Amino acid sequence: MPKKQLNTINRRILEVRKELGLNQKEFAERIKVSRGYTGVLEATDREINDRIIELVCVNCGVNEKWLREGTGKMFKDKPNPRLDRVMRNFEKLDDYLQEYVIKQLDILLECQEKNKTKK
């Protein structure tokens, strides 16, 4: 039986991994999934859910429009150095502490918005 045609997002995920020069294990660690699941994403026509798309875009700097539609550049422009530092440190935290940081950011943004409306 002939191998199923990969869907375009599956092919683009494979392209991203190769462009980054990562093996499946390294790529899996970067996007926070198992190595086996990375292989499934690349080797089948399995539909890619929004969570996986977000993980690839956030953790690899991929342009979401390119990943979903194939238009534009593969990678987003490089973020500023402060954001790079934040991301490197954020990735070192366990899941519980990452959630804590996200909640604190939400609180800070809310405070910022309140301060803007006061002025």
PDB file of N, CA and C in Angstrom:
ATOM      1  N   MET A   1       0.848  -1.167   0.000  1.00  0.00           N
ATOM      2  CA  MET A   1       0.000   0.000   0.000  1.00  0.00           C
ATOM      3  C   MET A   1       0.902   1.242   0.000  1.00  0.00           C
ATOM      4  N   PRO A   2       0.605   2.245  -0.849  1.00  0.00           N
ATOM      5  CA  PRO A   2       1.457   3.421  -0.902  1.00  0.00           C
ATOM      6  C   PRO A   2       1.359   4.243   0.386  1.00  0.00           C
ATOM      7  N   LYS A   3       2.467   4.895   0.712  1.00  0.00           N
ATOM      8  CA  LYS A   3       2.515   5.742   1.894  1.00  0.00           C
ATOM      9  C   LYS A   3       1.587   6.942   1.699  1.00  0.00           C
ATOM     10  N   LYS A   4       0.860   7.299   2.764  1.00  0.00           N
ATOM     11  CA  LYS A   4      -0.050   8.431   2.684  1.00  0.00           C
ATOM     12  C   LYS A   4       0.728   9.722   2.443  1.00  0.00           C
ATOM     13  N   GLN A   5       0.103  10.638   1.717  1.00  0.00           N
ATOM     14  CA  GLN A   5       0.690  11.955   1.475  1.00  0.00           C
ATOM     15  C   GLN A   5       0.687  12.754   2.775  1.00  0.00           C
ATOM     16  N   LEU A   6       1.821  13.304   3.131  1.00  0.00           N
ATOM     17  CA  LEU A   6       1.875  14.125   4.333  1.00  0.00           C
ATOM     18  C   LEU A   6       1.071  15.394   4.121  1.00  0.00           C
ATOM     19  N   ASN A   7       0.355  15.819   5.162  1.00  0.00           N
ATOM     20  CA  ASN A   7      -0.339  17.081   5.015  1.00  0.00           C
ATOM     21  C   ASN A   7       0.697  18.187   5.074  1.00  0.00           C
ATOM     22  N   THR A   8       0.362  19.342   4.594  1.00  0.00           N
ATOM     23  CA  THR A   8       1.367  20.393   4.419  1.00  0.00           C
ATOM     24  C   THR A   8       1.947  20.875   5.740  1.00  0.00           C
ATOM     25  N   ILE A   9       1.172  20.920   6.802  1.00  0.00           N
ATOM     26  CA  ILE A   9       1.737  21.347   8.089  1.00  0.00           C
ATOM     27  C   ILE A   9       2.742  20.311   8.582  1.00  0.00           C
ATOM     28  N   ASN A  10       2.451  19.039   8.403  1.00  0.00           N
ATOM     29  CA  ASN A  10       3.404  17.997   8.796  1.00  0.00           C
ATOM     30  C   ASN A  10       4.735  18.206   8.062  1.00  0.00           C
ATOM     31  N   ARG A  11       4.658  18.466   6.774  1.00  0.00           N
ATOM     32  CA  ARG A  11       5.882  18.687   5.983  1.00  0.00           C
ATOM     33  C   ARG A  11       6.623  19.920   6.475  1.00  0.00           C
ATOM     34  N   ARG A  12       5.872  20.977   6.803  1.00  0.00           N
ATOM     35  CA  ARG A  12       6.526  22.205   7.260  1.00  0.00           C
ATOM     36  C   ARG A  12       7.180  22.005   8.629  1.00  0.00           C
ATOM     37  N   ILE A  13       6.580  21.194   9.501  1.00  0.00           N
ATOM     38  CA  ILE A  13       7.218  20.887  10.790  1.00  0.00           C
ATOM     39  C   ILE A  13       8.548  20.170  10.552  1.00  0.00           C
ATOM     40  N   LEU A  14       8.569  19.235   9.643  1.00  0.00           N
ATOM     41  CA  LEU A  14       9.808  18.546   9.286  1.00  0.00           C
ATOM     42  C   LEU A  14      10.835  19.546   8.743  1.00  0.00           C
ATOM     43  N   GLU A  15      10.399  20.474   7.893  1.00  0.00           N
ATOM     44  CA  GLU A  15      11.295  21.504   7.351  1.00  0.00           C
ATOM     45  C   GLU A  15      11.905  22.346   8.467  1.00  0.00           C
ATOM     46  N   VAL A  16      11.090  22.719   9.448  1.00  0.00           N
ATOM     47  CA  VAL A  16      11.569  23.526  10.570  1.00  0.00           C
ATOM     48  C   VAL A  16      12.663  22.771  11.309  1.00  0.00           C
ATOM     49  N   ARG A  17      12.398  21.521  11.631  1.00  0.00           N
ATOM     50  CA  ARG A  17      13.387  20.729  12.373  1.00  0.00           C
ATOM     51  C   ARG A  17      14.705  20.654  11.621  1.00  0.00           C
ATOM     52  N   LYS A  18      14.620  20.382  10.324  1.00  0.00           N
ATOM     53  CA  LYS A  18      15.831  20.267   9.516  1.00  0.00           C
ATOM     54  C   LYS A  18      16.546  21.613   9.402  1.00  0.00           C
ATOM     55  N   GLU A  19      15.784  22.676   9.229  1.00  0.00           N
ATOM     56  CA  GLU A  19      16.381  24.013   9.125  1.00  0.00           C
ATOM     57  C   GLU A  19      17.115  24.387  10.411  1.00  0.00           C
ATOM     58  N   LEU A  20      16.584  23.961  11.545  1.00  0.00           N
ATOM     59  CA  LEU A  20      17.226  24.229  12.835  1.00  0.00           C
ATOM     60  C   LEU A  20      18.402  23.290  13.108  1.00  0.00           C
ATOM     61  N   GLY A  21      18.562  22.272  12.258  1.00  0.00           N
ATOM     62  CA  GLY A  21      19.664  21.329  12.424  1.00  0.00           C
ATOM     63  C   GLY A  21      19.504  20.428  13.637  1.00  0.00           C
ATOM     64  N   LEU A  22      18.256  20.107  13.977  1.00  0.00           N
ATOM     65  CA  LEU A  22      17.984  19.283  15.153  1.00  0.00           C
ATOM     66  C   LEU A  22      17.578  17.880  14.743  1.00  0.00           C
ATOM     67  N   ASN A  23      17.964  16.896  15.553  1.00  0.00           N
ATOM     68  CA  ASN A  23      17.424  15.558  15.335  1.00  0.00           C
ATOM     69  C   ASN A  23      16.049  15.501  16.017  1.00  0.00           C
ATOM     70  N   GLN A  24      15.333  14.403  15.847  1.00  0.00           N
ATOM     71  CA  GLN A  24      13.970  14.323  16.399  1.00  0.00           C
ATOM     72  C   GLN A  24      13.959  14.458  17.916  1.00  0.00           C
ATOM     73  N   LYS A  25      14.940  13.895  18.584  1.00  0.00           N
ATOM     74  CA  LYS A  25      14.993  13.976  20.048  1.00  0.00           C
ATOM     75  C   LYS A  25      15.177  15.423  20.497  1.00  0.00           C
ATOM     76  N   GLU A  26      16.116  16.124  19.871  1.00  0.00           N
ATOM     77  CA  GLU A  26      16.373  17.523  20.228  1.00  0.00           C
ATOM     78  C   GLU A  26      15.150  18.407  19.936  1.00  0.00           C
ATOM     79  N   PHE A  27      14.520  18.154  18.787  1.00  0.00           N
ATOM     80  CA  PHE A  27      13.344  18.920  18.414  1.00  0.00           C
ATOM     81  C   PHE A  27      12.204  18.651  19.404  1.00  0.00           C
ATOM     82  N   ALA A  28      12.023  17.390  19.765  1.00  0.00           N
ATOM     83  CA  ALA A  28      10.980  17.022  20.728  1.00  0.00           C
ATOM     84  C   ALA A  28      11.193  17.735  22.058  1.00  0.00           C
ATOM     85  N   GLU A  29      12.439  17.771  22.520  1.00  0.00           N
ATOM     86  CA  GLU A  29      12.744  18.480  23.769  1.00  0.00           C
ATOM     87  C   GLU A  29      12.429  19.965  23.639  1.00  0.00           C
ATOM     88  N   ARG A  30      12.744  20.536  22.489  1.00  0.00           N
ATOM     89  CA  ARG A  30      12.515  21.971  22.279  1.00  0.00           C
ATOM     90  C   ARG A  30      11.026  22.303  22.312  1.00  0.00           C
ATOM     91  N   ILE A  31      10.196  21.438  21.700  1.00  0.00           N
ATOM     92  CA  ILE A  31       8.753  21.753  21.662  1.00  0.00           C
ATOM     93  C   ILE A  31       7.965  21.050  22.764  1.00  0.00           C
ATOM     94  N   LYS A  32       8.682  20.371  23.661  1.00  0.00           N
ATOM     95  CA  LYS A  32       8.073  19.782  24.858  1.00  0.00           C
ATOM     96  C   LYS A  32       7.081  18.648  24.561  1.00  0.00           C
ATOM     97  N   VAL A  33       7.474  17.755  23.635  1.00  0.00           N
ATOM     98  CA  VAL A  33       6.700  16.539  23.365  1.00  0.00           C
ATOM     99  C   VAL A  33       7.672  15.363  23.360  1.00  0.00           C
ATOM    100  N   SER A  34       7.147  14.151  23.267  1.00  0.00           N
ATOM    101  CA  SER A  34       8.027  12.980  23.234  1.00  0.00           C
ATOM    102  C   SER A  34       8.674  12.839  21.857  1.00  0.00           C
ATOM    103  N   ARG A  35       9.809  12.166  21.817  1.00  0.00           N
ATOM    104  CA  ARG A  35      10.483  11.930  20.539  1.00  0.00           C
ATOM    105  C   ARG A  35       9.597  11.113  19.613  1.00  0.00           C
ATOM    106  N   GLY A  36       8.916  10.144  20.184  1.00  0.00           N
ATOM    107  CA  GLY A  36       8.022   9.314  19.381  1.00  0.00           C
ATOM    108  C   GLY A  36       6.908  10.123  18.737  1.00  0.00           C
ATOM    109  N   TYR A  37       6.374  11.077  19.477  1.00  0.00           N
ATOM    110  CA  TYR A  37       5.299  11.910  18.940  1.00  0.00           C
ATOM    111  C   TYR A  37       5.816  12.798  17.811  1.00  0.00           C
ATOM    112  N   THR A  38       7.050  13.275  17.935  1.00  0.00           N
ATOM    113  CA  THR A  38       7.649  14.058  16.851  1.00  0.00           C
ATOM    114  C   THR A  38       7.712  13.225  15.580  1.00  0.00           C
ATOM    115  N   GLY A  39       8.117  11.970  15.714  1.00  0.00           N
ATOM    116  CA  GLY A  39       8.164  11.082  14.557  1.00  0.00           C
ATOM    117  C   GLY A  39       6.799  10.905  13.917  1.00  0.00           C
ATOM    118  N   VAL A  40       5.775  10.764  14.748  1.00  0.00           N
ATOM    119  CA  VAL A  40       4.407  10.619  14.235  1.00  0.00           C
ATOM    120  C   VAL A  40       3.988  11.874  13.482  1.00  0.00           C
ATOM    121  N   LEU A  41       4.314  13.051  14.041  1.00  0.00           N
ATOM    122  CA  LEU A  41       3.946  14.312  13.384  1.00  0.00           C
ATOM    123  C   LEU A  41       4.581  14.420  12.004  1.00  0.00           C
ATOM    124  N   GLU A  42       5.814  13.982  11.907  1.00  0.00           N
ATOM    125  CA  GLU A  42       6.542  14.114  10.650  1.00  0.00           C
ATOM    126  C   GLU A  42       6.208  13.023   9.641  1.00  0.00           C
ATOM    127  N   ALA A  43       5.858  11.848  10.106  1.00  0.00           N
ATOM    128  CA  ALA A  43       5.748  10.703   9.202  1.00  0.00           C
ATOM    129  C   ALA A  43       4.320  10.307   8.851  1.00  0.00           C
ATOM    130  N   THR A  44       3.343  11.036   9.318  1.00  0.00           N
ATOM    131  CA  THR A  44       1.958  10.671   9.027  1.00  0.00           C
ATOM    132  C   THR A  44       1.196  11.892   8.546  1.00  0.00           C
ATOM    133  N   ASP A  45      -0.044  11.653   8.178  1.00  0.00           N
ATOM    134  CA  ASP A  45      -0.902  12.775   7.777  1.00  0.00           C
ATOM    135  C   ASP A  45      -1.797  13.191   8.942  1.00  0.00           C
ATOM    136  N   ARG A  46      -1.363  12.869  10.158  1.00  0.00           N
ATOM    137  CA  ARG A  46      -2.130  13.216  11.356  1.00  0.00           C
ATOM    138  C   ARG A  46      -2.366  14.725  11.387  1.00  0.00           C
ATOM    139  N   GLU A  47      -3.593  15.099  11.710  1.00  0.00           N
ATOM    140  CA  GLU A  47      -3.912  16.517  11.815  1.00  0.00           C
ATOM    141  C   GLU A  47      -3.149  17.127  12.989  1.00  0.00           C
ATOM    142  N   ILE A  48      -2.595  18.295  12.763  1.00  0.00           N
ATOM    143  CA  ILE A  48      -1.803  18.978  13.783  1.00  0.00           C
ATOM    144  C   ILE A  48      -2.729  19.918  14.547  1.00  0.00           C
ATOM    145  N   ASN A  49      -2.794  19.757  15.868  1.00  0.00           N
ATOM    146  CA  ASN A  49      -3.703  20.608  16.642  1.00  0.00           C
ATOM    147  C   ASN A  49      -3.050  21.947  16.976  1.00  0.00           C
ATOM    148  N   ASP A  50      -3.867  22.881  17.447  1.00  0.00           N
ATOM    149  CA  ASP A  50      -3.402  24.237  17.741  1.00  0.00           C
ATOM    150  C   ASP A  50      -2.312  24.261  18.804  1.00  0.00           C
ATOM    151  N   ARG A  51      -2.372  23.351  19.767  1.00  0.00           N
ATOM    152  CA  ARG A  51      -1.354  23.303  20.828  1.00  0.00           C
ATOM    153  C   ARG A  51       0.026  23.030  20.246  1.00  0.00           C
ATOM    154  N   ILE A  52       0.113  22.073  19.331  1.00  0.00           N
ATOM    155  CA  ILE A  52       1.396  21.737  18.711  1.00  0.00           C
ATOM    156  C   ILE A  52       1.887  22.905  17.859  1.00  0.00           C
ATOM    157  N   ILE A  53       0.980  23.528  17.128  1.00  0.00           N
ATOM    158  CA  ILE A  53       1.363  24.685  16.314  1.00  0.00           C
ATOM    159  C   ILE A  53       1.925  25.783  17.205  1.00  0.00           C
ATOM    160  N   GLU A  54       1.271  26.033  18.329  1.00  0.00           N
ATOM    161  CA  GLU A  54       1.749  27.063  19.254  1.00  0.00           C
ATOM    162  C   GLU A  54       3.118  26.690  19.826  1.00  0.00           C
ATOM    163  N   LEU A  55       3.303  25.434  20.201  1.00  0.00           N
ATOM    164  CA  LEU A  55       4.594  24.998  20.745  1.00  0.00           C
ATOM    165  C   LEU A  55       5.724  25.181  19.732  1.00  0.00           C
ATOM    166  N   VAL A  56       5.461  24.826  18.487  1.00  0.00           N
ATOM    167  CA  VAL A  56       6.487  24.971  17.445  1.00  0.00           C
ATOM    168  C   VAL A  56       6.791  26.453  17.223  1.00  0.00           C
ATOM    169  N   CYS A  57       5.748  27.268  17.139  1.00  0.00           N
ATOM    170  CA  CYS A  57       5.957  28.694  16.873  1.00  0.00           C
ATOM    171  C   CYS A  57       6.685  29.387  18.013  1.00  0.00           C
ATOM    172  N   VAL A  58       6.244  29.146  19.235  1.00  0.00           N
ATOM    173  CA  VAL A  58       6.834  29.827  20.391  1.00  0.00           C
ATOM    174  C   VAL A  58       8.249  29.330  20.667  1.00  0.00           C
ATOM    175  N   ASN A  59       8.439  28.026  20.663  1.00  0.00           N
ATOM    176  CA  ASN A  59       9.729  27.462  21.067  1.00  0.00           C
ATOM    177  C   ASN A  59      10.777  27.435  19.962  1.00  0.00           C
ATOM    178  N   CYS A  60      10.343  27.644  18.724  1.00  0.00           N
ATOM    179  CA  CYS A  60      11.298  27.620  17.610  1.00  0.00           C
ATOM    180  C   CYS A  60      11.333  28.930  16.838  1.00  0.00           C
ATOM    181  N   GLY A  61      10.525  29.908  17.239  1.00  0.00           N
ATOM    182  CA  GLY A  61      10.517  31.201  16.554  1.00  0.00           C
ATOM    183  C   GLY A  61       9.907  31.148  15.162  1.00  0.00           C
ATOM    184  N   VAL A  62       8.977  30.212  14.960  1.00  0.00           N
ATOM    185  CA  VAL A  62       8.377  30.024  13.642  1.00  0.00           C
ATOM    186  C   VAL A  62       7.204  30.981  13.450  1.00  0.00           C
ATOM    187  N   ASN A  63       7.098  31.498  12.249  1.00  0.00           N
ATOM    188  CA  ASN A  63       5.997  32.357  11.847  1.00  0.00           C
ATOM    189  C   ASN A  63       4.743  31.483  11.713  1.00  0.00           C
ATOM    190  N   GLU A  64       3.720  31.754  12.538  1.00  0.00           N
ATOM    191  CA  GLU A  64       2.525  30.908  12.544  1.00  0.00           C
ATOM    192  C   GLU A  64       1.824  30.878  11.191  1.00  0.00           C
ATOM    193  N   LYS A  65       1.771  32.005  10.504  1.00  0.00           N
ATOM    194  CA  LYS A  65       1.111  32.044   9.192  1.00  0.00           C
ATOM    195  C   LYS A  65       1.834  31.124   8.201  1.00  0.00           C
ATOM    196  N   TRP A  66       3.170  31.107   8.272  1.00  0.00           N
ATOM    197  CA  TRP A  66       3.918  30.213   7.396  1.00  0.00           C
ATOM    198  C   TRP A  66       3.614  28.757   7.749  1.00  0.00           C
ATOM    199  N   LEU A  67       3.592  28.438   9.041  1.00  0.00           N
ATOM    200  CA  LEU A  67       3.361  27.053   9.446  1.00  0.00           C
ATOM    201  C   LEU A  67       1.970  26.581   9.022  1.00  0.00           C
ATOM    202  N   ARG A  68       0.974  27.421   9.207  1.00  0.00           N
ATOM    203  CA  ARG A  68      -0.402  27.032   8.871  1.00  0.00           C
ATOM    204  C   ARG A  68      -0.686  27.072   7.369  1.00  0.00           C
ATOM    205  N   GLU A  69      -0.186  28.125   6.701  1.00  0.00           N
ATOM    206  CA  GLU A  69      -0.595  28.379   5.318  1.00  0.00           C
ATOM    207  C   GLU A  69       0.522  28.287   4.285  1.00  0.00           C
ATOM    208  N   GLY A  70       1.766  28.315   4.764  1.00  0.00           N
ATOM    209  CA  GLY A  70       2.888  28.274   3.832  1.00  0.00           C
ATOM    210  C   GLY A  70       3.223  29.625   3.228  1.00  0.00           C
ATOM    211  N   THR A  71       2.706  30.708   3.796  1.00  0.00           N
ATOM    212  CA  THR A  71       2.989  32.038   3.257  1.00  0.00           C
ATOM    213  C   THR A  71       3.877  32.823   4.213  1.00  0.00           C
ATOM    214  N   GLY A  72       4.703  33.681   3.651  1.00  0.00           N
ATOM    215  CA  GLY A  72       5.612  34.484   4.454  1.00  0.00           C
ATOM    216  C   GLY A  72       6.899  33.736   4.745  1.00  0.00           C
ATOM    217  N   LYS A  73       7.667  34.284   5.675  1.00  0.00           N
ATOM    218  CA  LYS A  73       8.952  33.688   6.047  1.00  0.00           C
ATOM    219  C   LYS A  73       8.740  32.563   7.056  1.00  0.00           C
ATOM    220  N   MET A  74       9.647  31.580   7.041  1.00  0.00           N
ATOM    221  CA  MET A  74       9.559  30.459   7.975  1.00  0.00           C
ATOM    222  C   MET A  74       9.704  30.944   9.422  1.00  0.00           C
ATOM    223  N   PHE A  75      10.652  31.828   9.651  1.00  0.00           N
ATOM    224  CA  PHE A  75      10.918  32.277  11.014  1.00  0.00           C
ATOM    225  C   PHE A  75      10.528  33.738  11.198  1.00  0.00           C
ATOM    226  N   LYS A  76      10.098  34.040  12.424  1.00  0.00           N
ATOM    227  CA  LYS A  76       9.828  35.418  12.789  1.00  0.00           C
ATOM    228  C   LYS A  76      11.158  36.141  12.891  1.00  0.00           C
ATOM    229  N   ASP A  77      11.084  37.462  12.827  1.00  0.00           N
ATOM    230  CA  ASP A  77      12.303  38.236  13.061  1.00  0.00           C
ATOM    231  C   ASP A  77      12.778  37.957  14.472  1.00  0.00           C
ATOM    232  N   LYS A  78      14.074  38.001  14.660  1.00  0.00           N
ATOM    233  CA  LYS A  78      14.660  37.689  15.971  1.00  0.00           C
ATOM    234  C   LYS A  78      14.147  38.673  17.015  1.00  0.00           C
ATOM    235  N   PRO A  79      13.656  38.147  18.132  1.00  0.00           N
ATOM    236  CA  PRO A  79      13.180  39.033  19.198  1.00  0.00           C
ATOM    237  C   PRO A  79      14.338  39.811  19.829  1.00  0.00           C
ATOM    238  N   ASN A  80      13.974  40.780  20.619  1.00  0.00           N
ATOM    239  CA  ASN A  80      15.025  41.591  21.253  1.00  0.00           C
ATOM    240  C   ASN A  80      15.765  40.772  22.313  1.00  0.00           C
ATOM    241  N   PRO A  81      16.969  41.209  22.678  1.00  0.00           N
ATOM    242  CA  PRO A  81      17.792  40.436  23.625  1.00  0.00           C
ATOM    243  C   PRO A  81      17.124  40.208  24.977  1.00  0.00           C
ATOM    244  N   ARG A  82      16.333  41.169  25.449  1.00  0.00           N
ATOM    245  CA  ARG A  82      15.660  40.977  26.742  1.00  0.00           C
ATOM    246  C   ARG A  82      14.650  39.844  26.649  1.00  0.00           C
ATOM    247  N   LEU A  83      13.931  39.777  25.538  1.00  0.00           N
ATOM    248  CA  LEU A  83      12.961  38.699  25.369  1.00  0.00           C
ATOM    249  C   LEU A  83      13.667  37.351  25.252  1.00  0.00           C
ATOM    250  N   ASP A  84      14.797  37.319  24.556  1.00  0.00           N
ATOM    251  CA  ASP A  84      15.585  36.078  24.471  1.00  0.00           C
ATOM    252  C   ASP A  84      15.968  35.599  25.867  1.00  0.00           C
ATOM    253  N   ARG A  85      16.425  36.528  26.707  1.00  0.00           N
ATOM    254  CA  ARG A  85      16.831  36.181  28.070  1.00  0.00           C
ATOM    255  C   ARG A  85      15.646  35.642  28.871  1.00  0.00           C
ATOM    256  N   VAL A  86      14.512  36.308  28.752  1.00  0.00           N
ATOM    257  CA  VAL A  86      13.307  35.859  29.456  1.00  0.00           C
ATOM    258  C   VAL A  86      12.938  34.446  29.006  1.00  0.00           C
ATOM    259  N   MET A  87      12.942  34.208  27.706  1.00  0.00           N
ATOM    260  CA  MET A  87      12.560  32.888  27.190  1.00  0.00           C
ATOM    261  C   MET A  87      13.530  31.797  27.648  1.00  0.00           C
ATOM    262  N   ARG A  88      14.814  32.090  27.614  1.00  0.00           N
ATOM    263  CA  ARG A  88      15.793  31.083  28.069  1.00  0.00           C
ATOM    264  C   ARG A  88      15.548  30.718  29.529  1.00  0.00           C
ATOM    265  N   ASN A  89      15.322  31.726  30.358  1.00  0.00           N
ATOM    266  CA  ASN A  89      15.086  31.466  31.782  1.00  0.00           C
ATOM    267  C   ASN A  89      13.738  30.797  32.010  1.00  0.00           C
ATOM    268  N   PHE A  90      12.715  31.214  31.280  1.00  0.00           N
ATOM    269  CA  PHE A  90      11.384  30.629  31.405  1.00  0.00           C
ATOM    270  C   PHE A  90      11.425  29.136  31.092  1.00  0.00           C
ATOM    271  N   GLU A  91      12.153  28.763  30.052  1.00  0.00           N
ATOM    272  CA  GLU A  91      12.232  27.357  29.642  1.00  0.00           C
ATOM    273  C   GLU A  91      12.916  26.483  30.693  1.00  0.00           C
ATOM    274  N   LYS A  92      13.706  27.086  31.561  1.00  0.00           N
ATOM    275  CA  LYS A  92      14.389  26.325  32.613  1.00  0.00           C
ATOM    276  C   LYS A  92      13.463  25.996  33.784  1.00  0.00           C
ATOM    277  N   LEU A  93      12.349  26.706  33.881  1.00  0.00           N
ATOM    278  CA  LEU A  93      11.420  26.503  34.994  1.00  0.00           C
ATOM    279  C   LEU A  93      10.569  25.259  34.768  1.00  0.00           C
ATOM    280  N   ASP A  94      10.139  24.620  35.861  1.00  0.00           N
ATOM    281  CA  ASP A  94       9.212  23.499  35.707  1.00  0.00           C
ATOM    282  C   ASP A  94       7.821  24.057  35.384  1.00  0.00           C
ATOM    283  N   ASP A  95       6.908  23.184  35.011  1.00  0.00           N
ATOM    284  CA  ASP A  95       5.578  23.605  34.553  1.00  0.00           C
ATOM    285  C   ASP A  95       4.842  24.458  35.582  1.00  0.00           C
ATOM    286  N   TYR A  96       4.932  24.077  36.843  1.00  0.00           N
ATOM    287  CA  TYR A  96       4.239  24.815  37.900  1.00  0.00           C
ATOM    288  C   TYR A  96       4.732  26.258  37.956  1.00  0.00           C
ATOM    289  N   LEU A  97       6.046  26.435  37.933  1.00  0.00           N
ATOM    290  CA  LEU A  97       6.611  27.783  38.009  1.00  0.00           C
ATOM    291  C   LEU A  97       6.352  28.575  36.729  1.00  0.00           C
ATOM    292  N   GLN A  98       6.299  27.898  35.582  1.00  0.00           N
ATOM    293  CA  GLN A  98       5.939  28.598  34.341  1.00  0.00           C
ATOM    294  C   GLN A  98       4.526  29.162  34.448  1.00  0.00           C
ATOM    295  N   GLU A  99       3.602  28.372  34.984  1.00  0.00           N
ATOM    296  CA  GLU A  99       2.231  28.860  35.169  1.00  0.00           C
ATOM    297  C   GLU A  99       2.195  30.047  36.126  1.00  0.00           C
ATOM    298  N   TYR A 100       3.002  29.994  37.174  1.00  0.00           N
ATOM    299  CA  TYR A 100       3.085  31.099  38.129  1.00  0.00           C
ATOM    300  C   TYR A 100       3.559  32.381  37.428  1.00  0.00           C
ATOM    301  N   VAL A 101       4.596  32.261  36.621  1.00  0.00           N
ATOM    302  CA  VAL A 101       5.119  33.424  35.889  1.00  0.00           C
ATOM    303  C   VAL A 101       4.053  33.991  34.960  1.00  0.00           C
ATOM    304  N   ILE A 102       3.330  33.136  34.272  1.00  0.00           N
ATOM    305  CA  ILE A 102       2.278  33.592  33.359  1.00  0.00           C
ATOM    306  C   ILE A 102       1.198  34.353  34.127  1.00  0.00           C
ATOM    307  N   LYS A 103       0.795  33.833  35.274  1.00  0.00           N
ATOM    308  CA  LYS A 103      -0.216  34.517  36.088  1.00  0.00           C
ATOM    309  C   LYS A 103       0.293  35.875  36.560  1.00  0.00           C
ATOM    310  N   GLN A 104       1.556  35.931  36.954  1.00  0.00           N
ATOM    311  CA  GLN A 104       2.128  37.208  37.401  1.00  0.00           C
ATOM    312  C   GLN A 104       2.177  38.216  36.253  1.00  0.00           C
ATOM    313  N   LEU A 105       2.504  37.764  35.070  1.00  0.00           N
ATOM    314  CA  LEU A 105       2.493  38.651  33.909  1.00  0.00           C
ATOM    315  C   LEU A 105       1.089  39.185  33.641  1.00  0.00           C
ATOM    316  N   ASP A 106       0.094  38.319  33.754  1.00  0.00           N
ATOM    317  CA  ASP A 106      -1.288  38.760  33.570  1.00  0.00           C
ATOM    318  C   ASP A 106      -1.653  39.844  34.575  1.00  0.00           C
ATOM    319  N   ILE A 107      -1.229  39.668  35.821  1.00  0.00           N
ATOM    320  CA  ILE A 107      -1.505  40.664  36.861  1.00  0.00           C
ATOM    321  C   ILE A 107      -0.805  41.983  36.534  1.00  0.00           C
ATOM    322  N   LEU A 108       0.452  41.909  36.116  1.00  0.00           N
ATOM    323  CA  LEU A 108       1.195  43.116  35.763  1.00  0.00           C
ATOM    324  C   LEU A 108       0.549  43.861  34.592  1.00  0.00           C
ATOM    325  N   LEU A 109       0.103  43.124  33.601  1.00  0.00           N
ATOM    326  CA  LEU A 109      -0.559  43.755  32.456  1.00  0.00           C
ATOM    327  C   LEU A 109      -1.858  44.433  32.872  1.00  0.00           C
ATOM    328  N   GLU A 110      -2.590  43.784  33.759  1.00  0.00           N
ATOM    329  CA  GLU A 110      -3.824  44.365  34.275  1.00  0.00           C
ATOM    330  C   GLU A 110      -3.532  45.664  35.024  1.00  0.00           C
ATOM    331  N   CYS A 111      -2.508  45.668  35.860  1.00  0.00           N
ATOM    332  CA  CYS A 111      -2.114  46.880  36.594  1.00  0.00           C
ATOM    333  C   CYS A 111      -1.698  47.986  35.625  1.00  0.00           C
ATOM    334  N   GLN A 112      -0.967  47.616  34.612  1.00  0.00           N
ATOM    335  CA  GLN A 112      -0.524  48.594  33.618  1.00  0.00           C
ATOM    336  C   GLN A 112      -1.724  49.242  32.931  1.00  0.00           C
ATOM    337  N   GLU A 113      -2.702  48.440  32.571  1.00  0.00           N
ATOM    338  CA  GLU A 113      -3.891  48.965  31.913  1.00  0.00           C
ATOM    339  C   GLU A 113      -4.660  49.910  32.838  1.00  0.00           C
ATOM    340  N   LYS A 114      -4.760  49.534  34.103  1.00  0.00           N
ATOM    341  CA  LYS A 114      -5.451  50.406  35.087  1.00  0.00           C
ATOM    342  C   LYS A 114      -4.726  51.733  35.209  1.00  0.00           C
ATOM    343  N   ASN A 115      -3.390  51.707  35.229  1.00  0.00           N
ATOM    344  CA  ASN A 115      -2.613  52.939  35.342  1.00  0.00           C
ATOM    345  C   ASN A 115      -2.786  53.819  34.098  1.00  0.00           C
ATOM    346  N   LYS A 116      -2.910  53.209  32.934  1.00  0.00           N
ATOM    347  CA  LYS A 116      -3.110  53.987  31.708  1.00  0.00           C
ATOM    348  C   LYS A 116      -4.441  54.710  31.721  1.00  0.00           C
ATOM    349  N   THR A 117      -5.470  54.048  32.248  1.00  0.00           N
ATOM    350  CA  THR A 117      -6.801  54.665  32.258  1.00  0.00           C
ATOM    351  C   THR A 117      -6.900  55.792  33.283  1.00  0.00           C
ATOM    352  N   LYS A 118      -6.042  55.773  34.301  1.00  0.00           N
ATOM    353  CA  LYS A 118      -6.038  56.827  35.311  1.00  0.00           C
ATOM    354  C   LYS A 118      -5.435  58.126  34.781  1.00  0.00           C
ATOM    355  N   LYS A 119      -4.538  58.009  33.831  1.00  0.00           N
ATOM    356  CA  LYS A 119      -3.828  59.190  33.316  1.00  0.00           C
ATOM    357  C   LYS A 119      -4.653  59.987  32.351  1.00  0.00           C
TER     358      LYS A 119
END
